[in-house]
Structure formats: structure tokens, C-alpha cells
Amino acid sequence: MNLFYELISDNAGRKLKFERKAWGMSRRKLARLAYTDPETIEYIEKGYVCMLDFDLLRKICKVLQVSPFDFFNKQLTTEEILAIV
């Protein structure tokens, strides 16, 4: 699981906020649809990505219709993807 946190880009929170706002969605609504709380969305957007696990990222991305891999530092190898999932 440590590999996952090392792969998340430093601007993942900004990307998340951009996508959420592009949908015209509040933090509260995104949180409800992703089965989390608004504070978690806020913390992620502010850059506290240590709160972000792959399951939550997947749920958020499903709501926003984006790929979870858009939030990583680099293109992942098959081995890295399998290590995460």
C-alpha cells in the first residue's frame, strides 16, 4: 500500500477540485455520491493526500467520470497497477 501513496501526484487535490467544480458539484454532494464525508473531500483537495486510499479514489473518479490513474505522478507499469489493486 505504501507504493500507492508514493505514486499519487502532489497536485491530486487540485485536480480533484478542478473536476468537481467542472461538474458544478459541491463537496457535500461528491462526498455523498462517493460514500465518504465532506471533510475528507476537503482534506484531499487541500493536499492531505495521505487520507486518500485507492478504493476511495476509485469511488470519487466513478462519480466524476475520470480515470483514477489521472491522479498519479507517472504512467504505471502492470506490476505497479497490480500492487495497488
Protein backbone atom coordinates (compact mmCIF):
# COMPACT_ATOMS: atom_id res chain seq x y z
CA MET A 1 0.00 0.00 0.00
CA ASN A 2 2.95 2.38 0.53
CA LEU A 3 3.58 2.24 -3.20
CA PHE A 4 0.15 3.79 -3.77
CA TYR A 5 0.91 6.87 -1.67
CA GLU A 6 4.25 7.36 -3.42
CA LEU A 7 2.53 7.35 -6.81
CA ILE A 8 -0.12 9.97 -6.03
CA SER A 9 0.83 13.30 -7.59
CA ASP A 10 1.34 16.35 -5.40
CA ASN A 11 -1.42 18.16 -7.25
CA ALA A 12 -4.01 15.37 -6.97
CA GLY A 13 -6.13 17.55 -4.69
CA ARG A 14 -6.12 20.41 -7.18
CA LYS A 15 -7.09 18.01 -9.97
CA LEU A 16 -9.93 16.66 -7.86
CA LYS A 17 -11.18 20.16 -7.06
CA PHE A 18 -11.00 21.15 -10.74
CA GLU A 19 -13.03 18.10 -11.82
CA ARG A 20 -15.58 18.56 -9.03
CA LYS A 21 -16.09 22.22 -9.91
CA ALA A 22 -16.30 21.39 -13.63
CA TRP A 23 -19.34 19.30 -12.74
CA GLY A 24 -20.71 22.17 -10.64
CA MET A 25 -20.73 19.82 -7.68
CA SER A 26 -20.37 20.73 -4.03
CA ARG A 27 -18.04 18.84 -1.71
CA ARG A 28 -21.08 17.62 0.18
CA LYS A 29 -22.70 16.14 -2.94
CA LEU A 30 -19.46 14.49 -4.12
CA ALA A 31 -18.94 13.06 -0.65
CA ARG A 32 -22.47 11.66 -0.57
CA LEU A 33 -22.13 10.07 -4.00
CA ALA A 34 -18.67 8.64 -3.18
CA TYR A 35 -19.81 7.32 0.22
CA THR A 36 -17.49 9.48 2.31
CA ASP A 37 -17.79 12.74 4.23
CA PRO A 38 -17.30 16.32 3.00
CA GLU A 39 -14.32 16.82 5.31
CA THR A 40 -12.45 14.01 3.57
CA ILE A 41 -13.05 15.66 0.18
CA GLU A 42 -11.87 18.98 1.63
CA TYR A 43 -8.69 17.42 3.07
CA ILE A 44 -7.87 15.74 -0.23
CA GLU A 45 -8.40 18.99 -2.13
CA LYS A 46 -6.13 20.82 0.31
CA GLY A 47 -3.34 18.35 -0.37
CA TYR A 48 -3.61 15.95 2.55
CA VAL A 49 -3.48 13.02 0.13
CA CYS A 50 -2.42 10.61 2.87
CA MET A 51 -6.17 10.35 3.54
CA LEU A 52 -6.73 9.03 0.03
CA ASP A 53 -6.80 5.28 -0.48
CA PHE A 54 -7.34 3.57 -3.81
CA ASP A 55 -10.89 2.44 -3.01
CA LEU A 56 -11.93 6.00 -2.18
CA LEU A 57 -10.12 7.36 -5.22
CA ARG A 58 -11.95 4.84 -7.40
CA LYS A 59 -15.34 5.86 -5.96
CA ILE A 60 -14.63 9.57 -6.44
CA CYS A 61 -13.44 9.00 -10.00
CA LYS A 62 -16.52 6.98 -10.83
CA VAL A 63 -18.72 9.88 -9.72
CA LEU A 64 -16.64 12.41 -11.67
CA GLN A 65 -16.23 10.08 -14.66
CA VAL A 66 -12.42 10.36 -14.74
CA SER A 67 -9.68 7.76 -14.56
CA PRO A 68 -8.06 7.21 -11.15
CA PHE A 69 -4.75 6.98 -12.97
CA ASP A 70 -5.01 10.70 -13.86
CA PHE A 71 -4.05 11.37 -10.24
CA PHE A 72 -0.70 9.55 -10.36
CA ASN A 73 2.78 11.00 -10.90
CA LYS A 74 3.57 8.83 -13.90
CA GLN A 75 2.23 6.18 -16.22
CA LEU A 76 2.06 2.95 -14.24
CA THR A 77 3.50 -0.39 -15.16
CA THR A 78 1.36 -3.52 -14.98
CA GLU A 79 3.23 -4.57 -11.84
CA GLU A 80 2.52 -1.24 -10.13
CA ILE A 81 -1.17 -1.44 -11.02
CA LEU A 82 -1.42 -4.98 -9.65
CA ALA A 83 0.36 -3.91 -6.45
CA ILE A 84 -2.27 -1.22 -5.87
CA VAL A 85 -5.35 -3.26 -6.61
